[in-house]
Amino acid sequence: MKSKFRLFLYVFIISLTSTQVFSQGKSSKKLLRHVVIFKFNDSSSAEDVQNVADTFYALKKSVPQIKDMEWGINNSPEQFNQGFTHCFIISFKSEKDLADYQNDPSHKAFQEVLKPHMEKVFVVDYWVK
């Protein structure tokens, strides 16, 4: 099962990278992507999960280091998600911007909203090529 999950993650990251390369064109500056994928507790209601997603996405407006942010809910027919449902992709210009975001009071407040509902989190950071 671990090998299927690794394959899923490999294909997922390659598809993200390919999409970003084609959409940016050759003249764009490199961006640092911060990919965060959540698996929520079974005991969390749909409203709780939506509140977490909304609170996380609201960081786009309150944290100046965030250059772009998008998110979505897994709908893959392959069923390799292992219960991970919500994927957020955040773009930064530098590793310093990512570090500043992680220490931002708004991000720390979001973590308090998340904690009672998060079963697992999976994070990947990469430079767009």
C-alpha atoms as a PDB file:
ATOM      1  CA  MET A   1       0.000   0.000   0.000  1.00  0.00           C
ATOM      2  CA  LYS A   2       2.886   2.365   0.731  1.00  0.00           C
ATOM      3  CA  SER A   3       4.185   1.905  -2.802  1.00  0.00           C
ATOM      4  CA  LYS A   4       0.775   2.848  -4.228  1.00  0.00           C
ATOM      5  CA  PHE A   5       0.739   5.980  -2.064  1.00  0.00           C
ATOM      6  CA  ARG A   6       4.272   6.877  -3.151  1.00  0.00           C
ATOM      7  CA  LEU A   7       3.270   6.382  -6.778  1.00  0.00           C
ATOM      8  CA  PHE A   8       0.217   8.579  -6.236  1.00  0.00           C
ATOM      9  CA  LEU A   9       2.342  11.323  -4.665  1.00  0.00           C
ATOM     10  CA  TYR A  10       4.941  11.095  -7.431  1.00  0.00           C
ATOM     11  CA  VAL A  11       2.295  11.425 -10.151  1.00  0.00           C
ATOM     12  CA  PHE A  12       0.565  14.205  -8.194  1.00  0.00           C
ATOM     13  CA  ILE A  13       3.744  16.266  -7.779  1.00  0.00           C
ATOM     14  CA  ILE A  14       4.817  15.749 -11.400  1.00  0.00           C
ATOM     15  CA  SER A  15       1.381  16.839 -12.639  1.00  0.00           C
ATOM     16  CA  LEU A  16       1.466  19.944 -10.434  1.00  0.00           C
ATOM     17  CA  THR A  17       4.942  20.838 -11.610  1.00  0.00           C
ATOM     18  CA  SER A  18       4.055  20.288 -15.267  1.00  0.00           C
ATOM     19  CA  THR A  19       0.910  22.395 -14.983  1.00  0.00           C
ATOM     20  CA  GLN A  20       2.778  25.251 -13.357  1.00  0.00           C
ATOM     21  CA  VAL A  21       5.621  25.177 -15.889  1.00  0.00           C
ATOM     22  CA  PHE A  22       3.240  25.399 -18.831  1.00  0.00           C
ATOM     23  CA  SER A  23       1.104  28.101 -17.223  1.00  0.00           C
ATOM     24  CA  GLN A  24       4.044  30.284 -16.193  1.00  0.00           C
ATOM     25  CA  GLY A  25       5.944  30.408 -19.446  1.00  0.00           C
ATOM     26  CA  LYS A  26       9.705  30.781 -19.727  1.00  0.00           C
ATOM     27  CA  SER A  27       9.934  34.390 -18.587  1.00  0.00           C
ATOM     28  CA  SER A  28       8.376  33.902 -15.130  1.00  0.00           C
ATOM     29  CA  LYS A  29      10.411  33.895 -11.949  1.00  0.00           C
ATOM     30  CA  LYS A  30      10.719  30.680  -9.997  1.00  0.00           C
ATOM     31  CA  LEU A  31       8.252  30.142  -7.197  1.00  0.00           C
ATOM     32  CA  LEU A  32       8.377  27.983  -4.115  1.00  0.00           C
ATOM     33  CA  ARG A  33       5.296  25.791  -3.784  1.00  0.00           C
ATOM     34  CA  HIS A  34       4.069  24.666  -0.371  1.00  0.00           C
ATOM     35  CA  VAL A  35       1.635  21.756  -0.834  1.00  0.00           C
ATOM     36  CA  VAL A  36      -0.451  20.827   2.200  1.00  0.00           C
ATOM     37  CA  ILE A  37      -2.843  17.861   2.141  1.00  0.00           C
ATOM     38  CA  PHE A  38      -5.170  17.138   5.065  1.00  0.00           C
ATOM     39  CA  LYS A  39      -6.881  14.046   6.394  1.00  0.00           C
ATOM     40  CA  PHE A  40      -9.577  15.041   8.873  1.00  0.00           C
ATOM     41  CA  ASN A  41     -10.884  13.188  11.911  1.00  0.00           C
ATOM     42  CA  ASP A  42     -13.960  11.067  11.250  1.00  0.00           C
ATOM     43  CA  SER A  43     -15.611  12.819  14.202  1.00  0.00           C
ATOM     44  CA  SER A  44     -15.305  16.260  12.553  1.00  0.00           C
ATOM     45  CA  SER A  45     -18.493  17.479  10.917  1.00  0.00           C
ATOM     46  CA  ALA A  46     -18.692  18.766   7.362  1.00  0.00           C
ATOM     47  CA  GLU A  47     -19.156  22.250   8.842  1.00  0.00           C
ATOM     48  CA  ASP A  48     -15.985  21.849  10.949  1.00  0.00           C
ATOM     49  CA  VAL A  49     -13.983  20.783   7.905  1.00  0.00           C
ATOM     50  CA  GLN A  50     -15.374  23.640   5.815  1.00  0.00           C
ATOM     51  CA  ASN A  51     -14.464  26.098   8.594  1.00  0.00           C
ATOM     52  CA  VAL A  52     -10.888  24.782   8.573  1.00  0.00           C
ATOM     53  CA  ALA A  53     -10.689  25.124   4.778  1.00  0.00           C
ATOM     54  CA  ASP A  54     -12.156  28.636   4.829  1.00  0.00           C
ATOM     55  CA  THR A  55      -9.853  29.729   7.647  1.00  0.00           C
ATOM     56  CA  PHE A  56      -6.809  28.348   5.846  1.00  0.00           C
ATOM     57  CA  TYR A  57      -7.741  29.993   2.550  1.00  0.00           C
ATOM     58  CA  ALA A  58      -8.326  33.321   4.330  1.00  0.00           C
ATOM     59  CA  LEU A  59      -4.584  33.395   5.073  1.00  0.00           C
ATOM     60  CA  LYS A  60      -4.159  34.488   1.455  1.00  0.00           C
ATOM     61  CA  LYS A  61      -5.539  37.902   2.444  1.00  0.00           C
ATOM     62  CA  SER A  62      -3.796  38.275   5.803  1.00  0.00           C
ATOM     63  CA  VAL A  63      -0.270  36.979   5.132  1.00  0.00           C
ATOM     64  CA  PRO A  64       1.612  39.254   2.723  1.00  0.00           C
ATOM     65  CA  GLN A  65       4.264  36.643   1.857  1.00  0.00           C
ATOM     66  CA  ILE A  66       1.662  34.476   0.118  1.00  0.00           C
ATOM     67  CA  LYS A  67       1.883  35.195  -3.616  1.00  0.00           C
ATOM     68  CA  ASP A  68      -0.893  32.823  -4.632  1.00  0.00           C
ATOM     69  CA  MET A  69      -3.047  30.131  -3.075  1.00  0.00           C
ATOM     70  CA  GLU A  70      -5.495  27.585  -4.384  1.00  0.00           C
ATOM     71  CA  TRP A  71      -7.224  24.567  -2.949  1.00  0.00           C
ATOM     72  CA  GLY A  72      -9.565  21.756  -3.780  1.00  0.00           C
ATOM     73  CA  ILE A  73     -11.093  18.515  -2.585  1.00  0.00           C
ATOM     74  CA  ASN A  74      -9.853  15.164  -3.865  1.00  0.00           C
ATOM     75  CA  ASN A  75     -12.026  13.621  -6.552  1.00  0.00           C
ATOM     76  CA  SER A  76      -9.574  11.113  -8.019  1.00  0.00           C
ATOM     77  CA  PRO A  77     -11.191   7.896  -9.227  1.00  0.00           C
ATOM     78  CA  GLU A  78      -7.941   6.031  -8.472  1.00  0.00           C
ATOM     79  CA  GLN A  79      -8.686   6.010  -4.725  1.00  0.00           C
ATOM     80  CA  PHE A  80      -5.027   6.253  -3.651  1.00  0.00           C
ATOM     81  CA  ASN A  81      -5.701   9.218  -1.361  1.00  0.00           C
ATOM     82  CA  GLN A  82      -5.712   7.121   1.854  1.00  0.00           C
ATOM     83  CA  GLY A  83      -8.323   9.397   3.396  1.00  0.00           C
ATOM     84  CA  PHE A  84      -6.525  12.654   2.559  1.00  0.00           C
ATOM     85  CA  THR A  85      -9.193  14.919   1.120  1.00  0.00           C
ATOM     86  CA  HIS A  86      -8.217  18.603   1.007  1.00  0.00           C
ATOM     87  CA  CYS A  87      -5.211  19.920  -0.917  1.00  0.00           C
ATOM     88  CA  PHE A  88      -3.852  23.461  -0.633  1.00  0.00           C
ATOM     89  CA  ILE A  89      -1.091  24.867  -2.815  1.00  0.00           C
ATOM     90  CA  ILE A  90       0.560  28.060  -1.623  1.00  0.00           C
ATOM     91  CA  SER A  91       3.176  29.961  -3.637  1.00  0.00           C
ATOM     92  CA  PHE A  92       6.070  31.977  -2.227  1.00  0.00           C
ATOM     93  CA  LYS A  93       8.955  33.886  -3.793  1.00  0.00           C
ATOM     94  CA  SER A  94      11.575  32.658  -1.318  1.00  0.00           C
ATOM     95  CA  GLU A  95      12.321  30.260   1.495  1.00  0.00           C
ATOM     96  CA  LYS A  96      12.392  33.281   3.812  1.00  0.00           C
ATOM     97  CA  ASP A  97       8.820  34.139   2.783  1.00  0.00           C
ATOM     98  CA  LEU A  98       7.758  30.573   3.584  1.00  0.00           C
ATOM     99  CA  ALA A  99       9.469  30.760   6.990  1.00  0.00           C
ATOM    100  CA  ASP A 100       7.870  34.146   7.715  1.00  0.00           C
ATOM    101  CA  TYR A 101       4.457  32.717   6.775  1.00  0.00           C
ATOM    102  CA  GLN A 102       4.954  29.782   9.133  1.00  0.00           C
ATOM    103  CA  ASN A 103       5.710  32.197  11.980  1.00  0.00           C
ATOM    104  CA  ASP A 104       2.933  34.655  11.136  1.00  0.00           C
ATOM    105  CA  PRO A 105       0.343  35.067  13.933  1.00  0.00           C
ATOM    106  CA  SER A 106      -2.475  34.407  11.430  1.00  0.00           C
ATOM    107  CA  HIS A 107      -0.924  31.055  10.519  1.00  0.00           C
ATOM    108  CA  LYS A 108      -0.491  30.154  14.186  1.00  0.00           C
ATOM    109  CA  ALA A 109      -4.143  31.063  14.846  1.00  0.00           C
ATOM    110  CA  PHE A 110      -5.176  28.850  11.910  1.00  0.00           C
ATOM    111  CA  GLN A 111      -3.275  25.924  13.444  1.00  0.00           C
ATOM    112  CA  GLU A 112      -5.425  26.253  16.565  1.00  0.00           C
ATOM    113  CA  VAL A 113      -8.570  25.997  14.398  1.00  0.00           C
ATOM    114  CA  LEU A 114      -7.105  22.968  12.610  1.00  0.00           C
ATOM    115  CA  LYS A 115      -5.760  20.946  15.560  1.00  0.00           C
ATOM    116  CA  PRO A 116      -9.031  19.452  16.855  1.00  0.00           C
ATOM    117  CA  HIS A 117      -9.958  18.230  13.364  1.00  0.00           C
ATOM    118  CA  MET A 118      -6.712  17.064  11.766  1.00  0.00           C
ATOM    119  CA  GLU A 119      -5.944  13.363  11.796  1.00  0.00           C
ATOM    120  CA  LYS A 120      -2.914  13.682   9.493  1.00  0.00           C
ATOM    121  CA  VAL A 121      -1.199  16.223   7.295  1.00  0.00           C
ATOM    122  CA  PHE A 122       1.161  15.685   4.367  1.00  0.00           C
ATOM    123  CA  VAL A 123       3.414  18.550   3.253  1.00  0.00           C
ATOM    124  CA  VAL A 124       5.687  18.899   0.215  1.00  0.00           C
ATOM    125  CA  ASP A 125       7.705  22.005  -0.645  1.00  0.00           C
ATOM    126  CA  TYR A 126       9.371  22.364  -4.039  1.00  0.00           C
ATOM    127  CA  TRP A 127      10.776  24.952  -6.387  1.00  0.00           C
ATOM    128  CA  VAL A 128       8.878  25.149  -9.671  1.00  0.00           C
ATOM    129  CA  LYS A 129      11.115  24.102 -12.551  1.00  0.00           C
END
